[in-house]
């Protein structure tokens, strides 16, 4: 599937939002930060999915 103007804007919006939510400057940094936050949350609720990441 080739990117369209719509999908490009959607990806850009999602990337921007994740960066803002995690206080990150790059998409890669935002994904790593989100993975870290998810790991902490999973440990707190007793559910461990350490081998699953968003940055796979």
C-alpha atoms as a PDB file:
ATOM      1  CA  UNK A   1       0.000   0.000   0.000  1.00  0.00           C
ATOM      2  CA  UNK A   2       1.388   3.371  -0.967  1.00  0.00           C
ATOM      3  CA  UNK A   3       1.107   6.289   1.438  1.00  0.00           C
ATOM      4  CA  UNK A   4      -1.509   8.892   0.648  1.00  0.00           C
ATOM      5  CA  UNK A   5      -1.824  12.453   1.869  1.00  0.00           C
ATOM      6  CA  UNK A   6      -4.341  11.244   4.446  1.00  0.00           C
ATOM      7  CA  UNK A   7      -2.180   8.418   5.812  1.00  0.00           C
ATOM      8  CA  UNK A   8       0.888  10.648   5.877  1.00  0.00           C
ATOM      9  CA  UNK A   9      -0.967  13.302   7.889  1.00  0.00           C
ATOM     10  CA  UNK A  10      -2.399  10.674  10.223  1.00  0.00           C
ATOM     11  CA  UNK A  11       1.045   9.215  10.886  1.00  0.00           C
ATOM     12  CA  UNK A  12       2.493  12.686  11.418  1.00  0.00           C
ATOM     13  CA  UNK A  13      -0.317  13.561  13.856  1.00  0.00           C
ATOM     14  CA  UNK A  14       0.129  10.313  15.800  1.00  0.00           C
ATOM     15  CA  UNK A  15       3.896  10.820  15.972  1.00  0.00           C
ATOM     16  CA  UNK A  16       3.504  14.398  17.176  1.00  0.00           C
ATOM     17  CA  UNK A  17       0.956  13.369  19.815  1.00  0.00           C
ATOM     18  CA  UNK A  18       3.155  10.549  21.140  1.00  0.00           C
ATOM     19  CA  UNK A  19       6.131  12.910  21.341  1.00  0.00           C
ATOM     20  CA  UNK A  20       4.085  15.472  23.274  1.00  0.00           C
ATOM     21  CA  UNK A  21       2.639  12.841  25.620  1.00  0.00           C
ATOM     22  CA  UNK A  22       6.060  11.385  26.433  1.00  0.00           C
ATOM     23  CA  UNK A  23       8.054  14.628  26.389  1.00  0.00           C
ATOM     24  CA  UNK A  24      10.241  13.263  23.595  1.00  0.00           C
ATOM     25  CA  UNK A  25      11.815  14.986  20.601  1.00  0.00           C
ATOM     26  CA  UNK A  26      11.915  12.031  18.183  1.00  0.00           C
ATOM     27  CA  UNK A  27       9.545   9.212  17.272  1.00  0.00           C
ATOM     28  CA  UNK A  28      12.121   6.613  18.309  1.00  0.00           C
ATOM     29  CA  UNK A  29      12.609   8.240  21.714  1.00  0.00           C
ATOM     30  CA  UNK A  30       8.834   8.495  22.175  1.00  0.00           C
ATOM     31  CA  UNK A  31       8.364   4.784  21.447  1.00  0.00           C
ATOM     32  CA  UNK A  32      11.117   3.793  23.873  1.00  0.00           C
ATOM     33  CA  UNK A  33       9.603   6.037  26.554  1.00  0.00           C
ATOM     34  CA  UNK A  34       6.146   4.581  25.913  1.00  0.00           C
ATOM     35  CA  UNK A  35       7.571   1.045  26.210  1.00  0.00           C
ATOM     36  CA  UNK A  36       9.163   1.948  29.541  1.00  0.00           C
ATOM     37  CA  UNK A  37       5.902   3.394  30.851  1.00  0.00           C
ATOM     38  CA  UNK A  38       3.976   0.319  29.709  1.00  0.00           C
ATOM     39  CA  UNK A  39       6.467  -1.993  31.442  1.00  0.00           C
ATOM     40  CA  UNK A  40       6.065  -0.071  34.694  1.00  0.00           C
ATOM     41  CA  UNK A  41       2.303  -0.227  34.407  1.00  0.00           C
ATOM     42  CA  UNK A  42       2.347  -3.948  33.605  1.00  0.00           C
ATOM     43  CA  UNK A  43       4.500  -4.655  36.654  1.00  0.00           C
ATOM     44  CA  UNK A  44       2.161  -2.615  38.826  1.00  0.00           C
ATOM     45  CA  UNK A  45      -0.869  -4.627  37.745  1.00  0.00           C
ATOM     46  CA  UNK A  46       1.025  -7.916  37.853  1.00  0.00           C
ATOM     47  CA  UNK A  47       0.966  -8.572  34.103  1.00  0.00           C
ATOM     48  CA  UNK A  48       4.405  -8.994  32.521  1.00  0.00           C
ATOM     49  CA  UNK A  49       4.891  -8.707  28.743  1.00  0.00           C
ATOM     50  CA  UNK A  50       8.565  -7.717  28.766  1.00  0.00           C
ATOM     51  CA  UNK A  51       9.285  -9.338  25.414  1.00  0.00           C
ATOM     52  CA  UNK A  52       6.613  -7.238  23.662  1.00  0.00           C
ATOM     53  CA  UNK A  53       7.488  -3.688  22.686  1.00  0.00           C
ATOM     54  CA  UNK A  54       5.976  -0.894  20.627  1.00  0.00           C
ATOM     55  CA  UNK A  55       9.354  -0.305  18.961  1.00  0.00           C
ATOM     56  CA  UNK A  56       9.644  -3.828  17.558  1.00  0.00           C
END
